[in-house]
Amino acid sequence: MRYVSIAEVKKILEKEQKNRELSSEQKFTLEHAKKFAKLNMTKTNALIDELKKIEKMPEPVAYKIADLLPTHPDDIKVLFAKERVALNKEEIDHILDLVKKHME
């Protein structure tokens, strides 16, 4: 299984739209991606790469962070709620700093 970011979904569907008519589900998905992709694919992938270097970072959570771009420690805690790891304040702050860096 391969994870994809909202930015990547947007890029894939925009490219596909140039070649053929999208299905109604694909059109809806493209509109959703256009509305919610906050970073371009290059910045999103750079953020994901940096997040995946964090020892406790599960890959699905890295993608979710890149899609949502959380700005508050509680947002990070929610994303890790189902994981079997606990982050300390420094780790949470590091994640927030990475997000902030890529949003600039």
C-alpha atoms as a PDB file:
ATOM      1  CA  MET A   1       0.000   0.000   0.000  1.00  0.00           C
ATOM      2  CA  ARG A   2       1.204   3.501  -0.825  1.00  0.00           C
ATOM      3  CA  TYR A   3       0.047   6.641   0.947  1.00  0.00           C
ATOM      4  CA  VAL A   4      -0.675   9.801  -1.029  1.00  0.00           C
ATOM      5  CA  SER A   5      -1.166  13.366   0.086  1.00  0.00           C
ATOM      6  CA  ILE A   6      -4.057  15.579  -0.944  1.00  0.00           C
ATOM      7  CA  ALA A   7      -1.583  17.632  -3.001  1.00  0.00           C
ATOM      8  CA  GLU A   8      -0.561  14.510  -4.919  1.00  0.00           C
ATOM      9  CA  VAL A   9      -4.193  13.530  -5.515  1.00  0.00           C
ATOM     10  CA  LYS A  10      -4.790  17.004  -6.906  1.00  0.00           C
ATOM     11  CA  LYS A  11      -1.810  16.786  -9.259  1.00  0.00           C
ATOM     12  CA  ILE A  12      -2.721  13.294 -10.484  1.00  0.00           C
ATOM     13  CA  LEU A  13      -6.345  14.202 -11.184  1.00  0.00           C
ATOM     14  CA  GLU A  14      -5.468  17.504 -12.874  1.00  0.00           C
ATOM     15  CA  LYS A  15      -3.088  15.643 -15.183  1.00  0.00           C
ATOM     16  CA  GLU A  16      -5.679  12.963 -15.881  1.00  0.00           C
ATOM     17  CA  GLN A  17      -8.350  15.599 -16.565  1.00  0.00           C
ATOM     18  CA  LYS A  18      -6.251  16.908 -19.464  1.00  0.00           C
ATOM     19  CA  ASN A  19      -6.304  13.452 -21.074  1.00  0.00           C
ATOM     20  CA  ARG A  20      -9.894  12.361 -20.558  1.00  0.00           C
ATOM     21  CA  GLU A  21     -13.239  13.117 -18.952  1.00  0.00           C
ATOM     22  CA  LEU A  22     -13.157  12.385 -15.218  1.00  0.00           C
ATOM     23  CA  SER A  23     -15.894  10.327 -13.580  1.00  0.00           C
ATOM     24  CA  SER A  24     -18.235  12.150 -11.217  1.00  0.00           C
ATOM     25  CA  GLU A  25     -16.382  10.680  -8.223  1.00  0.00           C
ATOM     26  CA  GLN A  26     -13.062  11.849  -9.620  1.00  0.00           C
ATOM     27  CA  LYS A  27     -14.449  15.336 -10.272  1.00  0.00           C
ATOM     28  CA  PHE A  28     -15.725  15.531  -6.706  1.00  0.00           C
ATOM     29  CA  THR A  29     -12.365  14.321  -5.408  1.00  0.00           C
ATOM     30  CA  LEU A  30     -10.507  16.875  -7.528  1.00  0.00           C
ATOM     31  CA  GLU A  31     -12.688  19.712  -6.232  1.00  0.00           C
ATOM     32  CA  HIS A  32     -12.076  18.524  -2.676  1.00  0.00           C
ATOM     33  CA  ALA A  33      -8.323  18.361  -3.303  1.00  0.00           C
ATOM     34  CA  LYS A  34      -8.294  21.855  -4.832  1.00  0.00           C
ATOM     35  CA  LYS A  35     -10.134  23.197  -1.813  1.00  0.00           C
ATOM     36  CA  PHE A  36      -8.064  21.486   0.872  1.00  0.00           C
ATOM     37  CA  ALA A  37      -4.532  21.079  -0.534  1.00  0.00           C
ATOM     38  CA  LYS A  38      -2.776  23.825   1.394  1.00  0.00           C
ATOM     39  CA  LEU A  39       0.726  23.266  -0.005  1.00  0.00           C
ATOM     40  CA  ASN A  40       1.946  22.333  -3.451  1.00  0.00           C
ATOM     41  CA  MET A  41       3.233  18.821  -4.005  1.00  0.00           C
ATOM     42  CA  THR A  42       6.916  19.772  -3.718  1.00  0.00           C
ATOM     43  CA  LYS A  43       6.471  21.419  -0.316  1.00  0.00           C
ATOM     44  CA  THR A  44       4.167  18.640   0.858  1.00  0.00           C
ATOM     45  CA  ASN A  45       6.686  15.940  -0.082  1.00  0.00           C
ATOM     46  CA  ALA A  46       9.526  17.863   1.573  1.00  0.00           C
ATOM     47  CA  LEU A  47       7.509  18.122   4.790  1.00  0.00           C
ATOM     48  CA  ILE A  48       6.599  14.428   4.692  1.00  0.00           C
ATOM     49  CA  ASP A  49      10.256  13.488   4.173  1.00  0.00           C
ATOM     50  CA  GLU A  50      11.305  15.532   7.197  1.00  0.00           C
ATOM     51  CA  LEU A  51       8.476  14.166   9.334  1.00  0.00           C
ATOM     52  CA  LYS A  52       9.372  10.572   8.456  1.00  0.00           C
ATOM     53  CA  LYS A  53      12.870  11.162   9.861  1.00  0.00           C
ATOM     54  CA  ILE A  54      11.334  11.523  13.334  1.00  0.00           C
ATOM     55  CA  GLU A  55      11.818   8.208  15.123  1.00  0.00           C
ATOM     56  CA  LYS A  56       8.265   7.863  16.485  1.00  0.00           C
ATOM     57  CA  MET A  57       6.525   9.071  13.319  1.00  0.00           C
ATOM     58  CA  PRO A  58       4.280   6.481  11.638  1.00  0.00           C
ATOM     59  CA  GLU A  59       4.046   7.047   7.885  1.00  0.00           C
ATOM     60  CA  PRO A  60       0.242   7.530   7.826  1.00  0.00           C
ATOM     61  CA  VAL A  61       0.506  10.224  10.508  1.00  0.00           C
ATOM     62  CA  ALA A  62       3.224  12.033   8.538  1.00  0.00           C
ATOM     63  CA  TYR A  63       0.876  12.225   5.553  1.00  0.00           C
ATOM     64  CA  LYS A  64      -2.034  13.369   7.721  1.00  0.00           C
ATOM     65  CA  ILE A  65       0.112  16.116   9.276  1.00  0.00           C
ATOM     66  CA  ALA A  66       1.190  17.272   5.805  1.00  0.00           C
ATOM     67  CA  ASP A  67      -2.454  17.397   4.692  1.00  0.00           C
ATOM     68  CA  LEU A  68      -3.845  19.147   7.774  1.00  0.00           C
ATOM     69  CA  LEU A  69      -0.873  21.369   8.716  1.00  0.00           C
ATOM     70  CA  PRO A  70      -1.696  21.497  12.433  1.00  0.00           C
ATOM     71  CA  THR A  71      -0.702  24.633  14.322  1.00  0.00           C
ATOM     72  CA  HIS A  72      -1.484  23.668  17.926  1.00  0.00           C
ATOM     73  CA  PRO A  73      -0.001  20.977  20.189  1.00  0.00           C
ATOM     74  CA  ASP A  74      -3.462  19.526  20.829  1.00  0.00           C
ATOM     75  CA  ASP A  75      -3.869  18.939  17.089  1.00  0.00           C
ATOM     76  CA  ILE A  76      -0.712  16.813  17.096  1.00  0.00           C
ATOM     77  CA  LYS A  77      -1.909  14.884  20.150  1.00  0.00           C
ATOM     78  CA  VAL A  78      -5.189  14.071  18.396  1.00  0.00           C
ATOM     79  CA  LEU A  79      -3.349  12.740  15.347  1.00  0.00           C
ATOM     80  CA  PHE A  80      -1.270  10.459  17.594  1.00  0.00           C
ATOM     81  CA  ALA A  81      -4.217   9.368  19.774  1.00  0.00           C
ATOM     82  CA  LYS A  82      -4.559   5.959  18.092  1.00  0.00           C
ATOM     83  CA  GLU A  83      -0.826   5.314  17.906  1.00  0.00           C
ATOM     84  CA  ARG A  84       1.093   3.293  20.458  1.00  0.00           C
ATOM     85  CA  VAL A  85       3.595   6.075  21.056  1.00  0.00           C
ATOM     86  CA  ALA A  86       3.531   9.078  23.327  1.00  0.00           C
ATOM     87  CA  LEU A  87       5.219  12.298  22.300  1.00  0.00           C
ATOM     88  CA  ASN A  88       6.832  14.654  24.762  1.00  0.00           C
ATOM     89  CA  LYS A  89       6.548  18.440  24.523  1.00  0.00           C
ATOM     90  CA  GLU A  90       9.857  18.794  22.654  1.00  0.00           C
ATOM     91  CA  GLU A  91       8.813  16.282  19.992  1.00  0.00           C
ATOM     92  CA  ILE A  92       5.460  18.005  19.511  1.00  0.00           C
ATOM     93  CA  ASP A  93       7.167  21.397  19.265  1.00  0.00           C
ATOM     94  CA  HIS A  94       9.619  19.986  16.697  1.00  0.00           C
ATOM     95  CA  ILE A  95       6.720  18.755  14.542  1.00  0.00           C
ATOM     96  CA  LEU A  96       4.985  22.134  14.787  1.00  0.00           C
ATOM     97  CA  ASP A  97       8.245  23.882  13.835  1.00  0.00           C
ATOM     98  CA  LEU A  98       8.585  21.685  10.740  1.00  0.00           C
ATOM     99  CA  VAL A  99       5.013  22.454   9.708  1.00  0.00           C
ATOM    100  CA  LYS A 100       5.552  26.174  10.223  1.00  0.00           C
ATOM    101  CA  LYS A 101       8.799  26.096   8.224  1.00  0.00           C
ATOM    102  CA  HIS A 102       7.103  24.522   5.212  1.00  0.00           C
ATOM    103  CA  MET A 103       4.117  26.874   5.359  1.00  0.00           C
ATOM    104  CA  GLU A 104       6.343  29.914   4.804  1.00  0.00           C
END
